[in-house]
Amino acid sequence: MGSWSAHCLSTPLSLSPGHYSLPKAATIPHYCCFHYSFPIRSRKSHFAVSTRCCASESKSDTVDEFWRAEPEIDDFVVVNFYRFVFIKDPQHEVAKHNTFLKGLDIHGRIYINEQGINAQYSGPSKHAFAYVEWLKEDAIFSDILVQTSPSNGHAFPKLKLRYKPSLVQLEGGISHLPLLNPSMRATAISPSEWRKRLEAANNNDTASNTNTSSNYILLDVRNGYEWDIGHFHGAQRPDVDCFRSTSFGRSPTEGVASDQLSQVDKEKTDILMYCTGGIRCDVYSTILRQQGFQNLYTLEGGVSHYLKTEGPVKWIGNLFTFDSRLSLPPSAYNRETMTESGLTRQAFNSDKFAKCYVCSSQVSELRHRNCANLDCNLLFLCCADCVMDLSGCCCYSCTTAPRRRPVLPGFQRYRKWHVYRDQEIEARAQ
């Protein structure tokens, strides 16, 4: 797996639906559950203990054999969810999840601590959904909002399931934040209500074409490079490339140009916050609440949930993903919604906002790449001409770096350095 990073990181980050026939011995009712439209099958009506004991080696547990069988077709999905909830013994919780996932074909990142769980993983749909169903049987996770998107195979190199002190990376950590108190977090509004608010706000601001008005601010709390390939109409680019360094509303002095919240009325201004899945908004809204901001609202389920239910209305471009896919067009979340809305790829890409990092020309393919210089590894947008001219590097100085990876064609991702080193050694030996 190739390493992924934003330029501001000190070290690279490793990033890394369907109807099935059941064995004759298992007769299980079919239904659609959670927030996705893929049919899955319930295990609750078989053995009362099978879901809790599915890690056993018993060959008589037909349902467990079904869920752990190899997938018949490559219908992989990526699943994302999180929940802030008190977990008394997170290490024990990690052990329970490890036991259940043993034998399932799931790759990704699942982090658990005293404040809850944050998960992003990929796998065949029946394996991926089996884990969600098992998790939702626990009362504290019963109503989690699960987001799914399609994938051609695994989007992560392996499974990382462990205790992690911070579910979200933010300077200073988040363990001290009152995340378990819902009143301290922003009020979640549905995608349909979010759309109505944006349409009304944009109508009020058409004269000035700005994201600020007398009573609302549209705040993108994602990373800057995420904004580069897609964002809501009217949202300004984040002032930093990495969320961990976000400082909206925390400026020590008033009137800081890059801080959209530095001069607003904290009691009268509505702050509409959004991120990919919602977790970063929940975290950051508690900080703003402590700073005295009263009217905080977040997009329920984040942009991915919005694109699934509302389509790309008021959205421009693609959505960045923290896995090997790097980005997805709105059509990947709900093609039917786009058709019903009469929207096409040409329509929502009509705003020429995406620019090449090297030459500033328009970028037609909204996907990032990492600099071929391993010691730089900058994540950037690049036009096809500059990719070839600079051999996949972000600048001319990187083209002479000692550890350079080859230019990757298409949408491939870099693998680890030793792969290219070994290939070079083999080539020299021949």
Protein backbone atom coordinates (compact mmCIF):
# COMPACT_ATOMS: atom_id res chain seq x y z
CA MET A 1 0.00 0.00 0.00
CA GLY A 2 1.29 3.44 -0.84
CA SER A 3 1.60 6.08 1.77
CA TRP A 4 -0.80 8.99 1.80
CA SER A 5 -0.08 12.34 3.30
CA ALA A 6 -0.83 16.00 3.18
CA HIS A 7 2.18 18.27 2.95
CA CYS A 8 1.71 19.53 6.49
CA LEU A 9 2.12 16.07 8.03
CA SER A 10 5.47 15.28 9.57
CA THR A 11 5.18 11.61 8.62
CA PRO A 12 3.13 9.91 5.90
CA LEU A 13 -0.20 8.44 6.88
CA SER A 14 -0.84 4.90 5.73
CA LEU A 15 -4.22 4.81 4.17
CA SER A 16 -5.15 2.63 3.43
CA PRO A 17 -24.52 -4.50 -2.37
CA GLY A 18 -26.49 -7.55 -3.56
CA HIS A 19 -28.61 -10.55 -2.83
CA TYR A 20 -27.13 -13.90 -1.86
CA SER A 21 -28.43 -17.41 -1.68
CA LEU A 22 -28.29 -19.08 1.70
CA PRO A 23 -27.38 -22.64 2.55
CA LYS A 24 -30.48 -24.83 2.55
CA ALA A 25 -30.23 -25.35 6.29
CA ALA A 26 -30.73 -21.68 6.96
CA THR A 27 -34.10 -20.05 6.37
CA ILE A 28 -33.77 -16.41 7.28
CA PRO A 29 -36.10 -13.52 6.45
CA HIS A 30 -34.88 -10.95 3.94
CA TYR A 31 -35.05 -7.26 4.60
CA CYS A 32 -33.30 -3.95 4.01
CA CYS A 33 -31.83 -2.34 7.05
CA PHE A 34 -29.89 0.68 8.26
CA HIS A 35 -29.41 3.53 5.81
CA TYR A 36 -28.37 1.67 2.68
CA SER A 37 -30.42 0.11 -0.05
CA PHE A 38 -28.55 -3.17 -0.33
CA PRO A 39 -30.57 -6.23 0.76
CA ILE A 40 -29.02 -8.28 3.55
CA ARG A 41 -30.31 -11.08 5.68
CA SER A 42 -31.10 -11.14 9.36
CA ARG A 43 -29.41 -13.58 11.68
CA LYS A 44 -31.63 -12.80 14.66
CA SER A 45 -34.33 -15.35 13.87
CA HIS A 46 -31.92 -18.33 13.82
CA PHE A 47 -29.99 -19.15 16.98
CA ALA A 48 -30.49 -16.67 19.79
CA VAL A 49 -26.79 -16.78 20.63
CA SER A 50 -25.33 -17.07 17.17
CA THR A 51 -24.54 -13.38 16.72
CA ARG A 52 -22.67 -13.20 19.98
CA CYS A 53 -20.95 -16.53 19.51
CA CYS A 54 -20.22 -16.33 15.80
CA ALA A 55 -16.48 -16.50 16.38
CA SER A 56 -16.82 -20.08 17.59
CA GLU A 57 -15.49 -22.97 15.55
CA SER A 58 -18.75 -24.89 15.75
CA LYS A 59 -19.64 -26.35 12.37
CA SER A 60 -23.29 -26.59 13.40
CA ASP A 61 -23.71 -22.84 13.32
CA THR A 62 -24.94 -22.63 9.72
CA VAL A 63 -25.55 -18.89 9.85
CA ASP A 64 -21.98 -18.20 10.90
CA GLU A 65 -20.73 -20.39 8.07
CA PHE A 66 -22.85 -18.37 5.66
CA TRP A 67 -21.60 -15.00 6.84
CA ARG A 68 -17.98 -16.11 6.84
CA ALA A 69 -18.08 -17.88 3.50
CA GLU A 70 -16.13 -16.39 0.65
CA PRO A 71 -18.15 -13.84 -1.35
CA GLU A 72 -19.70 -15.16 -4.52
CA ILE A 73 -19.10 -11.91 -6.41
CA ASP A 74 -16.85 -8.90 -5.97
CA ASP A 75 -19.41 -6.48 -4.57
CA PHE A 76 -17.15 -4.55 -2.24
CA VAL A 77 -18.31 -1.54 -0.26
CA VAL A 78 -16.68 1.02 1.98
CA VAL A 79 -18.47 1.58 5.30
CA ASN A 80 -18.12 4.62 7.56
CA PHE A 81 -19.68 5.34 10.93
CA TYR A 82 -18.88 6.83 14.31
CA ARG A 83 -20.52 7.29 17.68
CA PHE A 84 -19.58 9.37 20.69
CA VAL A 85 -20.70 7.33 23.70
CA PHE A 86 -19.10 6.39 27.01
CA ILE A 87 -17.30 3.05 26.91
CA LYS A 88 -16.23 1.98 30.39
CA ASP A 89 -13.69 -0.63 29.29
CA PRO A 90 -12.53 0.20 25.73
CA GLN A 91 -9.81 -2.47 25.75
CA HIS A 92 -12.44 -5.11 26.42
CA GLU A 93 -14.57 -3.60 23.66
CA VAL A 94 -11.62 -3.87 21.25
CA ALA A 95 -11.21 -7.54 22.18
CA LYS A 96 -14.91 -8.23 21.51
CA HIS A 97 -14.70 -6.62 18.07
CA ASN A 98 -11.52 -8.51 17.25
CA THR A 99 -13.20 -11.78 18.16
CA PHE A 100 -16.20 -11.09 15.95
CA LEU A 101 -14.16 -9.90 12.98
CA LYS A 102 -11.85 -12.91 13.03
CA GLY A 103 -12.33 -14.66 9.70
CA LEU A 104 -14.25 -11.82 8.04
CA ASP A 105 -12.69 -10.18 5.00
CA ILE A 106 -12.58 -6.63 6.36
CA HIS A 107 -9.80 -4.06 5.94
CA GLY A 108 -9.72 -0.57 7.38
CA ARG A 109 -9.38 1.53 10.51
CA ILE A 110 -11.59 0.94 13.55
CA TYR A 111 -10.64 2.99 16.59
CA ILE A 112 -12.23 2.68 20.03
CA ASN A 113 -11.70 4.56 23.29
CA GLU A 114 -13.62 5.90 26.29
CA GLN A 115 -15.41 8.43 24.08
CA GLY A 116 -16.76 5.96 21.51
CA ILE A 117 -15.89 4.49 18.13
CA ASN A 118 -14.78 5.73 14.72
CA ALA A 119 -14.70 3.27 11.81
CA GLN A 120 -13.86 3.31 8.12
CA TYR A 121 -13.44 -0.07 6.44
CA SER A 122 -13.96 -2.01 3.23
CA GLY A 123 -15.02 -5.54 2.43
CA PRO A 124 -17.49 -7.75 0.55
CA SER A 125 -20.96 -6.42 1.33
CA LYS A 126 -22.15 -9.42 3.33
CA HIS A 127 -19.07 -9.27 5.55
CA ALA A 128 -19.18 -5.51 5.88
CA PHE A 129 -22.88 -5.46 6.79
CA ALA A 130 -22.59 -8.44 9.15
CA TYR A 131 -20.27 -6.38 11.32
CA VAL A 132 -22.67 -3.43 11.33
CA GLU A 133 -25.61 -5.65 12.24
CA TRP A 134 -23.65 -7.24 15.08
CA LEU A 135 -22.59 -3.83 16.38
CA LYS A 136 -26.12 -2.41 16.29
CA GLU A 137 -27.35 -5.21 18.56
CA ASP A 138 -25.53 -3.38 21.35
CA ALA A 139 -27.91 -0.75 22.74
CA ILE A 140 -25.27 1.99 22.79
CA PHE A 141 -24.68 1.56 19.05
CA SER A 142 -28.22 0.67 17.97
CA ASP A 143 -28.97 3.92 16.13
CA ILE A 144 -25.65 4.73 14.49
CA LEU A 145 -25.90 6.32 11.05
CA VAL A 146 -24.01 4.09 8.62
CA GLN A 147 -22.64 5.49 5.36
CA THR A 148 -21.70 3.24 2.43
CA SER A 149 -20.14 3.74 -0.98
CA PRO A 150 -19.02 1.33 -3.73
CA SER A 151 -15.46 0.14 -4.18
CA ASN A 152 -13.57 -2.03 -6.65
CA GLY A 153 -11.99 -4.32 -4.08
CA HIS A 154 -10.47 -3.29 -0.79
CA ALA A 155 -9.88 0.42 -0.25
CA PHE A 156 -7.52 -0.20 2.69
CA PRO A 157 -4.41 -2.42 2.87
CA LYS A 158 -5.26 -4.21 6.14
CA LEU A 159 -7.37 -4.06 9.28
CA LYS A 160 -6.31 -1.78 12.13
CA LEU A 161 -8.62 -2.35 15.08
CA ARG A 162 -7.24 -0.89 18.28
CA TYR A 163 -7.59 1.47 21.18
CA LYS A 164 -6.69 5.01 20.16
CA PRO A 165 -6.50 7.91 22.63
CA SER A 166 -8.05 10.32 20.10
CA LEU A 167 -10.79 9.34 17.65
CA VAL A 168 -10.03 12.49 15.61
CA GLN A 169 -6.62 14.08 15.16
CA LEU A 170 -6.62 17.62 16.51
CA GLU A 171 -3.83 19.64 18.05
CA GLY A 172 -4.10 19.32 21.81
CA GLY A 173 -6.20 16.16 21.54
CA ILE A 174 -9.94 15.79 22.13
CA SER A 175 -10.12 13.74 25.34
CA HIS A 176 -10.77 16.92 27.35
CA LEU A 177 -13.71 18.01 25.16
CA PRO A 178 -17.31 17.42 26.37
CA LEU A 179 -18.14 15.22 23.39
CA LEU A 180 -20.43 12.95 25.38
CA ASN A 181 -22.74 15.87 26.15
CA PRO A 182 -25.07 16.28 23.15
CA SER A 183 -25.97 19.83 24.17
CA MET A 184 -22.35 20.87 23.70
CA ARG A 185 -22.27 19.62 20.12
CA ALA A 186 -23.86 21.31 17.12
CA THR A 187 -27.48 20.57 16.32
CA ALA A 188 -27.66 18.06 13.46
CA ILE A 189 -30.02 19.00 10.63
CA SER A 190 -31.20 16.64 7.90
CA PRO A 191 -29.81 16.85 4.35
CA SER A 192 -33.17 18.15 3.09
CA GLU A 193 -33.21 20.94 5.68
CA TRP A 194 -29.56 21.72 4.90
CA ARG A 195 -30.44 22.06 1.23
CA LYS A 196 -33.31 24.43 2.03
CA ARG A 197 -31.08 26.59 4.18
CA LEU A 198 -28.36 26.81 1.55
CA GLU A 199 -30.84 27.66 -1.18
CA ALA A 200 -32.43 30.38 0.94
CA ALA A 201 -29.06 31.75 2.05
CA ASN A 202 -27.63 31.73 -1.47
CA ASN A 203 -30.65 33.59 -2.74
CA ASN A 204 -30.06 36.27 -0.13
CA ASP A 205 -26.37 36.54 -1.01
CA THR A 206 -26.50 36.49 -4.82
CA ALA A 207 -25.79 40.19 -5.03
CA SER A 208 -22.48 39.96 -3.19
CA ASN A 209 -21.69 36.33 -4.15
CA THR A 210 -20.23 35.67 -0.71
CA ASN A 211 -20.71 33.02 1.92
CA THR A 212 -21.46 35.52 4.65
CA SER A 213 -24.68 37.33 5.40
CA SER A 214 -26.13 39.08 8.41
CA ASN A 215 -27.19 35.82 10.00
CA TYR A 216 -25.21 32.81 8.76
CA ILE A 217 -21.73 31.46 8.03
CA LEU A 218 -21.06 28.37 5.89
CA LEU A 219 -18.06 26.69 7.50
CA ASP A 220 -16.06 23.91 5.82
CA VAL A 221 -14.05 22.27 8.60
CA ARG A 222 -12.31 19.73 6.37
CA ASN A 223 -8.76 19.86 5.10
CA GLY A 224 -7.90 22.42 2.45
CA TYR A 225 -7.01 19.77 -0.11
CA GLU A 226 -10.48 18.24 0.30
CA TRP A 227 -12.06 21.58 -0.60
CA ASP A 228 -9.85 21.72 -3.70
CA ILE A 229 -11.78 18.95 -5.46
CA GLY A 230 -15.25 19.57 -4.10
CA HIS A 231 -17.28 21.79 -1.75
CA PHE A 232 -20.63 23.43 -1.21
CA HIS A 233 -21.33 26.50 -3.27
CA GLY A 234 -20.52 29.56 -1.18
CA ALA A 235 -18.05 27.87 1.17
CA GLN A 236 -14.59 29.40 1.41
CA ARG A 237 -11.44 27.29 1.39
CA PRO A 238 -10.30 26.30 4.91
CA ASP A 239 -7.45 28.45 6.17
CA VAL A 240 -5.23 25.40 6.78
CA ASP A 241 -4.49 22.22 4.84
CA CYS A 242 -5.01 19.96 7.87
CA PHE A 243 -8.05 19.83 10.14
CA ARG A 244 -5.80 19.21 13.13
CA SER A 245 -4.60 22.82 12.83
CA THR A 246 -8.03 24.41 12.34
CA SER A 247 -8.41 27.63 14.32
CA PHE A 248 -11.78 29.09 13.27
CA GLY A 249 -13.26 31.07 16.15
CA ARG A 250 -10.16 30.60 18.30
CA SER A 251 -8.11 33.57 17.07
CA PRO A 252 -6.47 35.44 19.96
CA THR A 253 -7.19 38.77 18.31
CA GLU A 254 -10.24 40.08 16.48
CA GLY A 255 -10.26 40.73 12.77
CA VAL A 256 -7.95 37.95 11.54
CA ALA A 257 -8.52 37.85 7.78
CA SER A 258 -8.38 34.05 7.46
CA ASP A 259 -10.81 33.46 10.33
CA GLN A 260 -14.39 33.57 9.10
CA LEU A 261 -15.68 33.65 12.67
CA SER A 262 -13.48 36.42 14.06
CA GLN A 263 -16.00 39.23 13.64
CA VAL A 264 -19.40 37.56 13.80
CA ASP A 265 -22.04 37.97 16.48
CA LYS A 266 -21.75 34.76 18.51
CA GLU A 267 -25.33 34.98 19.75
CA LYS A 268 -27.13 35.89 16.52
CA THR A 269 -25.12 34.25 13.72
CA ASP A 270 -26.01 30.74 12.54
CA ILE A 271 -22.88 28.63 11.94
CA LEU A 272 -23.58 25.90 9.37
CA MET A 273 -20.73 23.36 9.58
CA TYR A 274 -20.00 20.42 7.32
CA CYS A 275 -17.40 17.71 6.80
CA THR A 276 -17.33 14.33 5.04
CA GLY A 277 -19.15 12.17 7.60
CA GLY A 278 -19.92 14.49 10.51
CA ILE A 279 -17.38 13.53 13.16
CA ARG A 280 -15.08 16.51 12.68
CA CYS A 281 -18.04 18.88 12.97
CA ASP A 282 -19.14 17.22 16.20
CA VAL A 283 -15.64 17.65 17.61
CA TYR A 284 -15.09 21.21 16.49
CA SER A 285 -18.56 22.40 17.42
CA THR A 286 -17.81 21.63 21.09
CA ILE A 287 -14.81 23.96 20.85
CA LEU A 288 -16.92 26.71 19.33
CA ARG A 289 -19.60 26.16 21.98
CA GLN A 290 -16.97 26.71 24.64
CA GLN A 291 -15.95 29.89 22.82
CA GLY A 292 -19.48 31.26 23.21
CA PHE A 293 -21.04 30.49 19.82
CA GLN A 294 -24.73 29.76 20.35
CA ASN A 295 -26.28 28.77 17.02
CA LEU A 296 -24.27 25.82 15.76
CA TYR A 297 -25.65 23.45 13.12
CA THR A 298 -24.04 20.49 11.42
CA LEU A 299 -25.02 18.48 8.35
CA GLU A 300 -26.31 15.13 9.60
CA GLY A 301 -24.15 12.33 8.21
CA GLY A 302 -21.90 14.82 6.44
CA VAL A 303 -21.50 15.36 2.72
CA SER A 304 -21.68 11.65 1.88
CA HIS A 305 -25.17 11.42 3.42
CA TYR A 306 -26.23 14.60 1.64
CA LEU A 307 -25.10 13.35 -1.79
CA LYS A 308 -26.95 10.09 -1.23
CA THR A 309 -30.25 11.72 -0.33
CA GLU A 310 -30.23 15.08 -2.12
CA GLY A 311 -27.77 14.60 -4.95
CA PRO A 312 -25.23 17.30 -5.86
CA VAL A 313 -27.60 20.26 -5.36
CA LYS A 314 -25.43 23.20 -4.23
CA TRP A 315 -22.39 20.88 -4.33
CA ILE A 316 -19.50 21.51 -6.73
CA GLY A 317 -17.08 18.77 -7.84
CA ASN A 318 -16.21 15.44 -6.22
CA LEU A 319 -15.88 14.24 -2.64
CA PHE A 320 -12.46 13.39 -1.23
CA THR A 321 -12.20 9.98 0.47
CA PHE A 322 -9.57 8.89 2.98
CA ASP A 323 -8.80 5.60 1.30
CA SER A 324 -7.23 4.28 -1.89
CA ARG A 325 -10.00 5.72 -4.07
CA LEU A 326 -9.01 9.31 -3.12
CA SER A 327 -12.26 10.80 -4.46
CA LEU A 328 -15.72 9.88 -5.71
CA PRO A 329 -18.18 11.73 -7.97
CA PRO A 330 -21.65 12.42 -6.54
CA SER A 331 -23.09 9.77 -8.85
CA ALA A 332 -21.28 7.09 -6.83
CA TYR A 333 -23.54 7.82 -3.86
CA ASN A 334 -26.90 7.97 -5.61
CA ARG A 335 -27.21 8.00 -9.39
CA GLU A 336 -31.01 7.94 -9.19
CA THR A 337 -31.12 11.18 -7.20
CA MET A 338 -29.01 12.88 -9.85
CA THR A 339 -31.27 11.65 -12.64
CA GLU A 340 -34.41 12.77 -10.85
CA SER A 341 -32.87 16.18 -10.25
CA GLY A 342 -32.00 16.53 -13.93
CA LEU A 343 -28.36 17.10 -13.01
CA THR A 344 -25.41 15.85 -15.00
CA ARG A 345 -21.69 15.70 -14.45
CA GLN A 346 -21.31 18.68 -16.77
CA ALA A 347 -23.74 20.71 -14.67
CA PHE A 348 -22.11 20.25 -11.29
CA ASN A 349 -18.61 20.61 -12.70
CA SER A 350 -19.47 23.82 -14.53
CA ASP A 351 -17.67 26.00 -11.98
CA LYS A 352 -14.00 26.04 -12.99
CA PHE A 353 -12.61 26.05 -9.48
CA ALA A 354 -10.08 23.19 -9.55
CA LYS A 355 -6.58 24.40 -10.45
CA CYS A 356 -3.31 22.61 -11.11
CA TYR A 357 -0.91 23.10 -8.20
CA VAL A 358 2.01 23.54 -10.62
CA CYS A 359 0.72 25.75 -13.44
CA SER A 360 -2.67 26.92 -12.08
CA SER A 361 -4.51 25.74 -15.19
CA GLN A 362 -7.88 24.03 -14.93
CA VAL A 363 -7.85 20.41 -13.81
CA SER A 364 -10.44 18.25 -15.55
CA GLU A 365 -9.89 15.10 -13.47
CA LEU A 366 -10.65 15.89 -9.85
CA ARG A 367 -8.20 13.50 -8.18
CA HIS A 368 -5.12 14.11 -6.11
CA ARG A 369 -1.73 12.46 -6.43
CA ASN A 370 1.26 12.30 -4.14
CA CYS A 371 4.54 13.81 -5.25
CA ALA A 372 6.84 11.16 -6.72
CA ASN A 373 9.58 12.40 -4.40
CA LEU A 374 9.09 10.11 -1.42
CA ASP A 375 10.63 12.63 0.96
CA CYS A 376 8.13 15.28 -0.12
CA ASN A 377 4.98 13.21 -0.70
CA LEU A 378 2.86 16.34 -1.12
CA LEU A 379 -0.77 15.59 -1.90
CA PHE A 380 -1.73 17.88 -4.79
CA LEU A 381 -3.91 18.37 -7.85
CA CYS A 382 -2.06 18.29 -11.14
CA CYS A 383 -2.96 18.59 -14.81
CA ALA A 384 -1.91 15.86 -17.24
CA ASP A 385 0.77 18.03 -18.88
CA CYS A 386 2.52 18.83 -15.60
CA VAL A 387 2.40 15.19 -14.54
CA MET A 388 4.47 14.28 -17.57
CA ASP A 389 6.71 17.36 -17.53
CA LEU A 390 7.68 16.88 -13.87
CA SER A 391 7.60 13.06 -13.84
CA GLY A 392 4.88 13.02 -11.22
CA CYS A 393 6.60 15.53 -8.93
CA CYS A 394 5.11 18.69 -7.48
CA CYS A 395 7.99 21.00 -8.46
CA TYR A 396 11.26 21.00 -10.41
CA SER A 397 13.43 20.58 -7.33
CA CYS A 398 11.70 17.29 -6.49
CA THR A 399 12.54 15.88 -9.93
CA THR A 400 16.18 15.51 -8.85
CA ALA A 401 15.48 13.97 -5.44
CA PRO A 402 17.32 10.69 -4.71
CA ARG A 403 14.20 8.71 -3.76
CA ARG A 404 11.75 9.15 -6.60
CA ARG A 405 8.92 6.82 -7.49
CA PRO A 406 7.83 6.26 -11.10
CA VAL A 407 5.02 8.25 -12.70
CA LEU A 408 1.74 6.51 -12.04
CA PRO A 409 -0.66 6.35 -14.99
CA GLY A 410 -4.38 6.77 -14.48
CA PHE A 411 -5.77 6.47 -10.97
CA GLN A 412 -3.21 4.12 -9.48
CA ARG A 413 -1.73 4.74 -6.04
CA TYR A 414 1.87 4.51 -4.93
CA ARG A 415 3.11 1.46 -3.11
CA LYS A 416 5.78 1.42 -0.43
CA TRP A 417 9.28 2.57 -1.34
CA HIS A 418 10.92 -0.84 -1.02
CA VAL A 419 8.77 -2.15 -3.91
CA TYR A 420 10.30 0.34 -6.33
CA ARG A 421 13.76 -0.09 -4.84
CA ASP A 422 13.60 -3.85 -5.36
CA GLN A 423 12.30 -3.40 -8.90
CA GLU A 424 15.24 -1.15 -9.71
CA ILE A 425 17.69 -3.65 -8.23
CA GLU A 426 16.19 -6.46 -10.30
CA ALA A 427 16.32 -4.35 -13.45
CA ARG A 428 20.00 -3.60 -12.90
CA ALA A 429 20.75 -7.27 -12.29
CA GLN A 430 19.29 -8.16 -15.67
